[in-house]
Protein backbone atom coordinates (compact mmCIF):
# COMPACT_ATOMS: atom_id res chain seq x y z
CA UNK A 1 56.40 -0.27 41.98
CA UNK A 2 55.08 2.87 44.01
CA UNK A 3 58.41 5.24 45.02
CA UNK A 4 57.42 7.87 48.13
CA UNK A 5 59.99 10.50 48.93
CA UNK A 6 59.48 12.20 52.04
CA UNK A 7 61.55 15.91 52.20
CA UNK A 8 61.39 19.09 55.02
CA UNK A 9 62.40 22.41 52.60
CA UNK A 10 60.49 25.01 54.19
CA UNK A 11 61.52 25.21 57.90
CA UNK A 12 64.95 23.32 58.11
CA UNK A 13 65.61 23.77 62.46
CA UNK A 14 62.26 21.92 62.64
CA UNK A 15 63.24 17.42 62.47
CA UNK A 16 60.29 16.12 61.58
CA UNK A 17 60.83 12.23 61.22
CA UNK A 18 59.13 9.52 59.26
CA UNK A 19 58.33 6.38 61.29
CA UNK A 20 55.95 4.73 59.09
CA UNK A 21 54.86 3.84 56.37
CA UNK A 22 51.99 1.80 55.35
CA UNK A 23 50.64 0.67 52.41
CA UNK A 24 47.52 -0.80 51.37
CA UNK A 25 46.70 -1.60 48.15
CA UNK A 26 42.59 -3.21 47.12
CA UNK A 27 40.97 -4.62 44.40
CA UNK A 28 37.73 -3.40 42.80
CA UNK A 29 35.40 -4.77 39.75
CA UNK A 30 31.86 -2.82 38.49
CA UNK A 31 30.25 -4.42 41.81
CA UNK A 32 33.22 -3.35 44.19
CA UNK A 33 35.53 -4.60 45.79
CA UNK A 34 37.38 -7.13 45.16
CA UNK A 35 39.48 -8.83 48.13
CA UNK A 36 40.60 -7.75 51.62
CA UNK A 37 43.34 -5.06 51.45
CA UNK A 38 46.45 -6.18 51.06
CA UNK A 39 48.76 -4.40 53.79
CA UNK A 40 52.63 -3.27 53.26
CA UNK A 41 54.94 -1.66 56.23
CA UNK A 42 58.50 -0.19 56.40
CA UNK A 43 58.74 0.77 60.22
CA UNK A 44 61.46 2.65 60.80
CA UNK A 45 64.00 0.37 62.57
CA UNK A 46 66.21 3.67 64.73
CA UNK A 47 64.31 5.57 66.52
CA UNK A 48 62.59 7.63 66.71
CA UNK A 49 62.40 7.19 63.34
CA UNK A 50 64.26 8.19 59.17
CA UNK A 51 64.98 12.05 60.07
CA UNK A 52 63.03 13.09 56.79
CA UNK A 53 64.52 17.37 57.26
CA UNK A 54 66.03 18.43 53.73
CA UNK A 55 68.30 17.66 52.40
CA UNK A 56 67.80 14.12 53.99
CA UNK A 57 65.59 12.59 51.85
CA UNK A 58 63.57 8.61 52.53
CA UNK A 59 62.92 6.44 49.33
CA UNK A 60 61.81 3.20 49.73
CA UNK A 61 60.07 0.48 46.79
CA UNK A 62 57.39 -0.64 46.82
CA UNK A 63 55.96 -3.80 44.61
CA UNK A 64 52.21 -4.02 44.11
CA UNK A 65 51.26 -7.96 44.94
CA UNK A 66 49.22 -8.79 42.04
CA UNK A 67 45.43 -8.63 41.94
CA UNK A 68 42.00 -10.39 41.13
CA UNK A 69 42.14 -11.09 37.53
CA UNK A 70 38.44 -9.92 37.23
CA UNK A 71 39.99 -6.54 38.96
CA UNK A 72 39.27 -2.95 36.34
CA UNK A 73 40.96 -0.64 38.83
CA UNK A 74 43.13 -0.93 42.39
CA UNK A 75 43.70 1.40 45.19
CA UNK A 76 46.71 2.48 47.02
CA UNK A 77 46.13 3.96 49.99
CA UNK A 78 49.55 5.42 51.89
CA UNK A 79 49.10 5.98 55.46
CA UNK A 80 53.46 8.19 56.23
CA UNK A 81 53.58 7.99 60.23
CA UNK A 82 55.93 11.30 61.36
CA UNK A 83 57.95 12.56 64.59
CA UNK A 84 58.35 16.04 64.66
CA UNK A 85 60.30 17.91 67.30
CA UNK A 86 59.58 20.57 68.85
CA UNK A 87 60.82 21.76 71.10
CA UNK A 88 64.60 20.67 72.29
CA UNK A 89 65.45 22.10 76.52
CA UNK A 90 69.05 22.57 77.35
CA UNK A 91 69.56 18.64 78.44
CA UNK A 92 69.01 17.33 75.14
CA UNK A 93 65.84 15.66 76.13
CA UNK A 94 63.08 17.14 73.36
CA UNK A 95 59.00 17.01 72.99
CA UNK A 96 57.81 14.99 69.62
CA UNK A 97 54.21 15.78 67.95
CA UNK A 98 53.36 12.82 66.35
CA UNK A 99 50.95 13.08 62.53
CA UNK A 100 49.96 11.22 60.47
CA UNK A 101 49.14 11.92 55.96
CA UNK A 102 47.57 9.63 53.48
CA UNK A 103 47.44 9.63 50.26
CA UNK A 104 45.23 6.95 48.04
CA UNK A 105 45.76 6.48 44.55
CA UNK A 106 43.49 5.32 41.94
CA UNK A 107 45.23 3.21 39.12
CA UNK A 108 43.44 2.57 36.14
CA UNK A 109 43.51 -1.95 34.85
CA UNK A 110 43.13 -1.56 31.00
CA UNK A 111 42.35 -5.15 29.21
CA UNK A 112 43.28 -6.13 25.27
């Protein structure tokens, strides 16, 4: 299980929204990739997304699917799609900028 936590502590006045998290899980043996990456997605069900500006956070647990028995490691690629509020006019109309952040976890599989 992987748990994600996102927050913005540096710019409290700027609102940041998380719109989607994508998790791709791929297993490998000594020769290379064993399978097609398995994808897990969590998309916000509200607009413009889940607010992650401090003190608000996003927590979600993702169950990692079973991998091939021959695997010696798995790669977990995480992609976060964020909307940043860059301005708001007097009528409440916002300008938003989209940014994408990524992380990769490489997890060895130890067999006995």
